[in-house]
Amino acid sequence: MALILSGCKSGKEEMEEVPTGYRGKARVNPYLAAERYLDEGGWEVRSSRVWDDFGYQTGVILMPGSFLESKAEGMRALEWVTEGGFLVVTIEGGEPERNDYTSNQSGSGLPSPGDFPGLDYLLEESGVEMRYEDWEGLSVDSDGETRGHLSRPWHIAELDLAGGGEIDLEFEGEVGLAVANGRDWEGNSSLSSRVVSTAYGMGRVMVMAHARSLRSPYLDRADHALFLETIVNESSGGEIVFLYGSSLSFFGLIWQRAWMVVVAGIILLITWLWMRIPRLGPVLEDGFQTRRPYGEALTTSARFLWRGGHAEHLIRPLRARLESRHQGDPAGLYQRLADQSGLTRDEVAEALTLPPPKDSGTLIKLVRKLQTLLKR
């Protein structure tokens, strides 16, 4: 991705193309160019953001030191090396969030003791010591500019190959390395080196001060591509894996930091589903059902209606039965009922027309009169 700048000076229009970075997959994976270079060369290569269960089928793993965030991860990496793997670890500049197209600091930067316990454990177990040097001969681009992928100054290191010859690599930062029992790739007996390696178990560990030579913008500079071929050719064969990013995925991090919460949530979800999902098969009848006498049910209903102020529902059925029996002669209904029941005409009229009283005693008398009329 490039930024086009234009301007006018002395009547002439000038245009300058300044690279600002990559897009798409190349923006996320800083080793994409190295992967494709090796793939075209016939090697089996892939990249990953997490540590898989690597075995004998994996020959080389290249990763930033910031990947080893815990001591357990450092132990896991060295266990793989013990079985014959070749592990290449870079101290600085290997993170995907590092921006190669700006002079501003980005990525994890220079690690301090304790920042990455897994990296500290790996260096201690492999006998590699990390130092800080004031390197001389720092370079910038030929025009003296500080833009694009050559924005940061770099140092040229001359490495000795095992079969003879030398190669040049570009390094940034102040990190220097020393190894007690291993190989110093610069051949210095007393000075710090930018690349060291040592045997560990049946495999080997290589530590690089900076990942500049492996990153996409710089692969075609100096002897970076030749150095990459040298690394993979010194392996025991198998696939080549570039690890970048966090050592744990998002879900892996959740499981590591809050697994108890996850387990509790799963149990609650299963319980909720068990309660909500319809059950297969017939539902058993409740064996604890009890039967109540019909009279008690009527008494309970009457008490409920009385407490709710709906006494008219208690006498309306009685009046409706009397009216339905004597619909033919409404004019002489009261007198005829009085003659047949022994009540006075006024008592009959009261039983059929009086609004439901609020007094319980009066209501009982009214109901008794209606029952007398029904039984005449």
Protein backbone atom coordinates (compact mmCIF):
# COMPACT_ATOMS: atom_id res chain seq x y z
CA MET A 1 0.00 0.00 0.00
CA ALA A 2 1.47 3.37 -0.99
CA LEU A 3 0.70 7.02 -0.36
CA ILE A 4 1.08 9.42 -3.31
CA LEU A 5 2.31 12.91 -2.37
CA SER A 6 2.28 15.78 -4.81
CA GLY A 7 3.34 19.39 -4.64
CA CYS A 8 4.32 22.38 -6.75
CA LYS A 9 7.72 23.98 -6.66
CA SER A 10 9.06 26.46 -9.21
CA GLY A 11 6.13 25.73 -11.47
CA LYS A 12 6.84 22.00 -11.59
CA GLU A 13 4.63 19.28 -10.14
CA GLU A 14 6.43 16.60 -8.17
CA MET A 15 5.02 13.24 -7.12
CA GLU A 16 6.51 10.84 -4.61
CA GLU A 17 5.34 7.36 -3.70
CA VAL A 18 5.80 6.48 -0.04
CA PRO A 19 5.00 2.91 1.15
CA THR A 20 2.74 2.91 4.21
CA GLY A 21 2.12 -0.78 4.80
CA TYR A 22 0.36 -3.90 3.61
CA ARG A 23 -3.29 -4.80 3.30
CA GLY A 24 -5.23 -8.01 3.77
CA LYS A 25 -3.46 -11.13 4.97
CA ALA A 26 -0.02 -9.56 4.61
CA ARG A 27 -0.99 -6.91 7.14
CA VAL A 28 -1.80 -9.57 9.74
CA ASN A 29 0.94 -12.11 9.04
CA PRO A 30 4.42 -10.52 9.06
CA TYR A 31 6.00 -13.72 7.65
CA LEU A 32 3.78 -14.14 4.61
CA ALA A 33 6.60 -13.39 2.14
CA ALA A 34 8.86 -15.95 3.83
CA GLU A 35 6.10 -18.56 3.72
CA ARG A 36 5.49 -18.07 0.01
CA TYR A 37 9.21 -18.05 -0.74
CA LEU A 38 9.70 -21.41 0.96
CA ASP A 39 6.51 -22.81 -0.57
CA GLU A 40 7.77 -22.02 -4.06
CA GLY A 41 11.04 -23.71 -3.12
CA GLY A 42 9.25 -26.98 -2.44
CA TRP A 43 9.11 -26.90 1.35
CA GLU A 44 5.95 -27.70 3.28
CA VAL A 45 5.17 -24.52 5.20
CA ARG A 46 2.25 -23.03 7.09
CA SER A 47 1.50 -20.39 9.72
CA SER A 48 -0.50 -20.45 12.94
CA ARG A 49 -1.54 -18.11 15.71
CA VAL A 50 -1.68 -20.86 18.35
CA TRP A 51 0.53 -23.71 19.48
CA ASP A 52 -0.84 -26.96 18.10
CA ASP A 53 0.19 -30.44 19.17
CA PHE A 54 3.38 -30.38 17.10
CA GLY A 55 5.18 -33.68 16.74
CA TYR A 56 7.83 -35.32 14.64
CA GLN A 57 6.10 -34.19 11.43
CA THR A 58 7.15 -30.59 12.22
CA GLY A 59 10.81 -29.82 11.58
CA VAL A 60 11.18 -26.07 12.23
CA ILE A 61 9.16 -23.58 14.27
CA LEU A 62 9.90 -19.86 14.01
CA MET A 63 8.24 -17.57 16.54
CA PRO A 64 8.67 -14.33 18.51
CA GLY A 65 9.82 -14.56 22.11
CA SER A 66 6.66 -12.72 23.22
CA PHE A 67 4.75 -15.88 22.24
CA LEU A 68 6.09 -17.55 25.40
CA GLU A 69 3.97 -15.67 27.91
CA SER A 70 4.16 -18.26 30.71
CA LYS A 71 6.68 -20.74 32.01
CA ALA A 72 4.39 -23.61 31.01
CA GLU A 73 4.56 -22.48 27.38
CA GLY A 74 8.36 -22.35 27.55
CA MET A 75 8.44 -25.88 28.97
CA ARG A 76 6.10 -27.10 26.25
CA ALA A 77 8.32 -25.60 23.53
CA LEU A 78 11.49 -27.21 24.95
CA GLU A 79 9.74 -30.58 25.24
CA TRP A 80 9.12 -30.43 21.51
CA VAL A 81 12.79 -29.49 20.89
CA THR A 82 13.91 -32.44 23.01
CA GLU A 83 12.19 -34.80 20.56
CA GLY A 84 14.31 -33.49 17.68
CA GLY A 85 12.69 -30.16 16.69
CA PHE A 86 14.50 -27.01 15.58
CA LEU A 87 13.13 -23.91 17.37
CA VAL A 88 14.00 -20.39 16.15
CA VAL A 89 13.10 -17.62 18.64
CA THR A 90 13.42 -13.89 17.98
CA ILE A 91 13.80 -11.51 20.93
CA GLU A 92 12.42 -8.36 19.28
CA GLY A 93 10.35 -7.41 16.26
CA GLY A 94 8.40 -10.62 15.67
CA GLU A 95 4.91 -9.51 16.70
CA PRO A 96 2.21 -8.99 14.03
CA GLU A 97 1.19 -5.64 15.52
CA ARG A 98 4.63 -4.18 14.81
CA ASN A 99 4.44 -1.55 12.05
CA ASP A 100 7.45 -1.72 9.73
CA TYR A 101 6.46 1.48 7.94
CA THR A 102 6.85 3.99 10.71
CA SER A 103 9.69 5.19 12.88
CA ASN A 104 7.45 5.05 15.96
CA GLN A 105 7.89 2.16 18.35
CA SER A 106 5.34 -0.63 17.94
CA GLY A 107 4.96 -4.22 19.03
CA SER A 108 6.18 -5.60 22.35
CA GLY A 109 9.49 -3.74 22.17
CA LEU A 110 12.55 -4.62 24.21
CA PRO A 111 11.58 -7.25 26.82
CA SER A 112 12.59 -6.90 30.44
CA PRO A 113 13.18 -9.82 32.83
CA GLY A 114 9.80 -11.07 34.00
CA ASP A 115 7.78 -9.72 31.07
CA PHE A 116 7.67 -13.15 29.41
CA PRO A 117 8.39 -15.93 31.93
CA GLY A 118 8.35 -18.56 29.18
CA LEU A 119 11.08 -16.75 27.25
CA ASP A 120 13.16 -16.32 30.42
CA TYR A 121 12.83 -20.05 31.12
CA LEU A 122 13.87 -21.00 27.57
CA LEU A 123 16.95 -18.76 27.65
CA GLU A 124 18.01 -20.08 31.06
CA GLU A 125 17.53 -23.74 30.12
CA SER A 126 19.37 -23.40 26.79
CA GLY A 127 22.26 -21.44 28.34
CA VAL A 128 21.67 -18.25 26.32
CA GLU A 129 22.46 -14.91 27.93
CA MET A 130 20.83 -11.70 26.70
CA ARG A 131 22.89 -8.51 26.82
CA TYR A 132 22.44 -4.93 25.67
CA GLU A 133 25.06 -3.39 23.41
CA ASP A 134 25.65 0.00 21.79
CA TRP A 135 26.09 -1.27 18.26
CA GLU A 136 28.18 0.78 15.87
CA GLY A 137 27.66 1.25 12.17
CA LEU A 138 23.92 1.89 12.24
CA SER A 139 22.56 2.67 8.79
CA VAL A 140 19.56 4.39 7.25
CA ASP A 141 18.37 4.39 3.66
CA SER A 142 20.61 5.86 0.99
CA ASP A 143 18.68 9.13 0.81
CA GLY A 144 18.82 9.70 4.54
CA GLU A 145 15.03 9.56 4.73
CA THR A 146 13.08 8.16 7.68
CA ARG A 147 9.99 6.92 5.91
CA GLY A 148 8.70 3.63 4.57
CA HIS A 149 10.01 0.23 5.61
CA LEU A 150 13.54 1.65 6.04
CA SER A 151 12.46 4.16 8.65
CA ARG A 152 14.42 2.60 11.52
CA PRO A 153 18.22 2.41 11.59
CA TRP A 154 19.74 -1.04 11.33
CA HIS A 155 23.03 -2.81 11.99
CA ILE A 156 24.76 -5.18 9.55
CA ALA A 157 25.96 -8.45 11.10
CA GLU A 158 28.27 -10.85 9.26
CA LEU A 159 27.41 -14.47 10.05
CA ASP A 160 29.65 -17.45 9.41
CA LEU A 161 28.08 -20.45 7.72
CA ALA A 162 28.94 -23.95 8.91
CA GLY A 163 30.09 -25.02 5.45
CA GLY A 164 32.18 -21.89 4.91
CA GLY A 165 31.36 -18.44 3.62
CA GLU A 166 29.61 -15.47 5.16
CA ILE A 167 26.21 -13.86 4.89
CA ASP A 168 25.02 -10.40 5.88
CA LEU A 169 21.90 -9.81 7.95
CA GLU A 170 20.23 -6.60 9.08
CA PHE A 171 19.37 -6.21 12.77
CA GLU A 172 17.66 -3.51 14.80
CA GLY A 173 17.72 -2.71 18.50
CA GLU A 174 20.33 -3.14 21.20
CA VAL A 175 20.03 -6.85 22.04
CA GLY A 176 23.18 -8.94 22.05
CA LEU A 177 23.43 -12.66 22.76
CA ALA A 178 25.98 -15.05 24.21
CA VAL A 179 25.83 -18.81 24.66
CA ALA A 180 27.96 -20.94 26.99
CA ASN A 181 27.87 -24.21 25.07
CA GLY A 182 26.77 -23.59 21.54
CA ARG A 183 27.48 -21.81 18.31
CA ASP A 184 28.17 -18.09 17.94
CA TRP A 185 27.18 -17.32 14.34
CA GLU A 186 29.34 -14.20 14.22
CA GLY A 187 32.39 -16.06 15.50
CA ASN A 188 33.13 -13.60 18.30
CA SER A 189 34.86 -15.07 21.30
CA SER A 190 34.42 -12.10 23.64
CA LEU A 191 31.74 -9.89 22.06
CA SER A 192 28.01 -10.38 21.94
CA SER A 193 26.47 -11.89 18.85
CA ARG A 194 23.18 -11.27 17.07
CA VAL A 195 22.52 -14.99 16.44
CA VAL A 196 23.41 -17.98 18.62
CA SER A 197 22.29 -21.60 18.64
CA THR A 198 22.74 -24.59 20.92
CA ALA A 199 21.81 -28.25 21.09
CA TYR A 200 18.99 -29.24 23.45
CA GLY A 201 18.07 -32.87 23.79
CA MET A 202 17.77 -34.32 20.29
CA GLY A 203 16.99 -30.92 18.77
CA ARG A 204 18.38 -27.39 18.63
CA VAL A 205 17.42 -23.89 19.74
CA MET A 206 18.38 -20.78 17.78
CA VAL A 207 17.95 -17.33 19.29
CA MET A 208 17.99 -14.19 17.12
CA ALA A 209 18.23 -10.66 18.49
CA HIS A 210 15.65 -9.31 16.03
CA ALA A 211 13.15 -10.69 13.50
CA ARG A 212 13.86 -8.04 10.86
CA SER A 213 15.46 -10.50 8.41
CA LEU A 214 12.36 -12.77 8.50
CA ARG A 215 9.69 -10.12 8.05
CA SER A 216 8.06 -9.51 4.67
CA PRO A 217 9.39 -5.99 3.85
CA TYR A 218 13.03 -7.05 4.33
CA LEU A 219 13.21 -10.57 2.89
CA ASP A 220 14.71 -9.36 -0.39
CA ARG A 221 17.44 -7.32 1.30
CA ALA A 222 21.00 -8.39 2.18
CA ASP A 223 21.22 -12.20 2.46
CA HIS A 224 17.95 -12.70 4.31
CA ALA A 225 16.49 -15.20 1.85
CA LEU A 226 19.73 -17.23 1.87
CA PHE A 227 19.71 -17.24 5.68
CA LEU A 228 16.13 -18.53 5.67
CA GLU A 229 17.14 -21.38 3.37
CA THR A 230 20.08 -22.15 5.68
CA ILE A 231 17.76 -22.49 8.65
CA VAL A 232 15.36 -24.92 7.00
CA ASN A 233 18.17 -26.95 5.42
CA GLU A 234 19.71 -27.55 8.85
CA SER A 235 16.49 -29.08 10.16
CA SER A 236 15.70 -32.79 10.27
CA GLY A 237 12.93 -32.36 7.70
CA GLY A 238 9.21 -32.01 8.08
CA GLU A 239 6.94 -29.01 7.81
CA ILE A 240 7.97 -25.46 8.66
CA VAL A 241 5.67 -23.48 10.93
CA PHE A 242 5.61 -19.72 11.50
CA LEU A 243 3.95 -18.84 14.79
CA TYR A 244 2.81 -15.28 15.30
CA GLY A 245 0.36 -13.39 17.43
CA SER A 246 -0.88 -14.44 20.83
CA SER A 247 0.06 -17.87 22.06
CA LEU A 248 -3.59 -18.45 22.94
CA SER A 249 -6.73 -17.89 20.96
CA PHE A 250 -9.54 -15.87 22.51
CA PHE A 251 -11.41 -18.97 23.61
CA GLY A 252 -8.19 -20.55 24.80
CA LEU A 253 -7.44 -17.48 26.90
CA ILE A 254 -10.94 -17.58 28.39
CA TRP A 255 -10.49 -21.25 29.26
CA GLN A 256 -7.10 -20.59 30.83
CA ARG A 257 -8.11 -17.57 32.91
CA ALA A 258 -11.76 -18.28 33.75
CA TRP A 259 -12.40 -21.98 33.22
CA MET A 260 -14.50 -22.24 36.39
CA VAL A 261 -16.88 -19.59 35.10
CA VAL A 262 -17.14 -21.43 31.77
CA VAL A 263 -17.90 -24.74 33.48
CA ALA A 264 -20.53 -23.12 35.71
CA GLY A 265 -22.14 -21.47 32.67
CA ILE A 266 -22.29 -24.79 30.82
CA ILE A 267 -23.94 -26.49 33.81
CA LEU A 268 -26.51 -23.70 34.08
CA LEU A 269 -27.23 -23.91 30.36
CA ILE A 270 -27.75 -27.68 30.50
CA THR A 271 -30.04 -27.30 33.52
CA TRP A 272 -32.10 -24.60 31.83
CA LEU A 273 -32.45 -26.69 28.66
CA TRP A 274 -33.48 -29.74 30.71
CA MET A 275 -36.24 -27.68 32.33
CA ARG A 276 -37.46 -26.05 29.10
CA ILE A 277 -37.22 -28.72 26.41
CA PRO A 278 -40.40 -30.84 26.14
CA ARG A 279 -39.89 -34.32 27.48
CA LEU A 280 -40.33 -37.34 25.25
CA GLY A 281 -43.08 -39.77 26.25
CA PRO A 282 -46.23 -39.38 28.40
CA VAL A 283 -46.20 -37.25 31.51
CA LEU A 284 -46.94 -39.23 34.68
CA GLU A 285 -50.03 -38.28 36.61
CA ASP A 286 -49.64 -36.64 39.97
CA GLY A 287 -50.18 -39.35 42.57
CA PHE A 288 -50.59 -36.84 45.38
CA GLN A 289 -53.94 -35.44 44.25
CA THR A 290 -56.62 -35.46 46.99
CA ARG A 291 -60.40 -35.48 46.54
CA ARG A 292 -62.66 -33.11 48.48
CA PRO A 293 -66.41 -33.60 49.19
CA TYR A 294 -68.72 -31.72 46.83
CA GLY A 295 -70.38 -29.90 49.69
CA GLU A 296 -67.07 -28.47 50.88
CA ALA A 297 -66.38 -27.16 47.38
CA LEU A 298 -69.77 -25.38 47.36
CA THR A 299 -69.17 -23.91 50.81
CA THR A 300 -65.73 -22.65 49.75
CA SER A 301 -67.17 -21.09 46.61
CA ALA A 302 -69.96 -19.38 48.58
CA ARG A 303 -67.48 -17.94 51.06
CA PHE A 304 -65.33 -16.63 48.25
CA LEU A 305 -68.32 -14.90 46.60
CA TRP A 306 -69.43 -13.39 49.89
CA ARG A 307 -65.94 -11.99 50.69
CA GLY A 308 -65.73 -10.55 47.18
CA GLY A 309 -69.05 -8.72 47.50
CA HIS A 310 -70.84 -10.80 44.86
CA ALA A 311 -73.81 -12.10 46.91
CA GLU A 312 -76.14 -11.70 43.89
CA HIS A 313 -74.58 -14.84 42.42
CA LEU A 314 -75.84 -16.83 45.42
CA ILE A 315 -79.54 -16.00 44.99
CA ARG A 316 -79.76 -15.45 41.21
CA PRO A 317 -80.05 -19.20 40.35
CA LEU A 318 -82.97 -19.66 42.81
CA ARG A 319 -84.91 -16.71 41.41
CA ALA A 320 -84.24 -17.83 37.83
CA ARG A 321 -85.76 -21.27 38.51
CA LEU A 322 -88.93 -19.74 40.01
CA GLU A 323 -89.37 -17.28 37.14
CA SER A 324 -88.87 -20.01 34.52
CA ARG A 325 -91.66 -22.13 36.04
CA HIS A 326 -94.23 -19.29 36.06
CA GLN A 327 -93.67 -17.36 32.86
CA GLY A 328 -97.30 -17.85 31.71
CA ASP A 329 -99.09 -15.66 34.30
CA PRO A 330 -96.72 -12.95 35.64
CA ALA A 331 -99.59 -10.79 36.96
CA GLY A 332 -100.83 -13.27 39.56
CA LEU A 333 -97.43 -14.83 40.29
CA TYR A 334 -96.90 -13.30 43.73
CA GLN A 335 -100.39 -14.14 45.04
CA ARG A 336 -100.35 -17.68 43.67
CA LEU A 337 -96.92 -18.40 45.23
CA ALA A 338 -98.14 -16.95 48.53
CA ASP A 339 -101.20 -19.23 48.55
CA GLN A 340 -99.14 -22.32 47.72
CA SER A 341 -96.26 -21.70 50.15
CA GLY A 342 -97.97 -20.21 53.16
CA LEU A 343 -96.00 -16.95 52.89
CA THR A 344 -97.58 -13.53 52.62
CA ARG A 345 -97.68 -11.75 49.30
CA ASP A 346 -95.18 -9.15 50.58
CA GLU A 347 -92.75 -11.86 51.62
CA VAL A 348 -92.95 -13.43 48.16
CA ALA A 349 -92.37 -10.07 46.46
CA GLU A 350 -89.41 -9.43 48.77
CA ALA A 351 -87.88 -12.83 47.98
CA LEU A 352 -88.07 -12.20 44.22
CA THR A 353 -87.17 -8.49 44.00
CA LEU A 354 -85.15 -7.42 47.04
CA PRO A 355 -81.50 -6.58 46.17
CA PRO A 356 -78.96 -8.88 47.85
CA PRO A 357 -78.46 -7.58 51.37
CA LYS A 358 -75.03 -7.00 52.84
CA ASP A 359 -76.08 -8.45 56.17
CA SER A 360 -75.50 -12.19 56.38
CA GLY A 361 -78.53 -12.82 58.58
CA THR A 362 -80.89 -11.06 56.20
CA LEU A 363 -79.36 -12.93 53.27
CA ILE A 364 -79.96 -16.30 54.99
CA LYS A 365 -83.64 -15.38 55.61
CA LEU A 366 -84.00 -14.38 51.96
CA VAL A 367 -82.53 -17.67 50.74
CA ARG A 368 -84.80 -19.69 53.06
CA LYS A 369 -87.87 -17.95 51.60
CA LEU A 370 -86.71 -18.80 48.07
CA GLN A 371 -86.16 -22.44 49.10
CA THR A 372 -89.69 -22.52 50.59
CA LEU A 373 -91.13 -21.26 47.33
CA LEU A 374 -89.21 -23.94 45.38
CA LYS A 375 -90.40 -26.76 47.70
CA ARG A 376 -94.11 -25.74 47.87
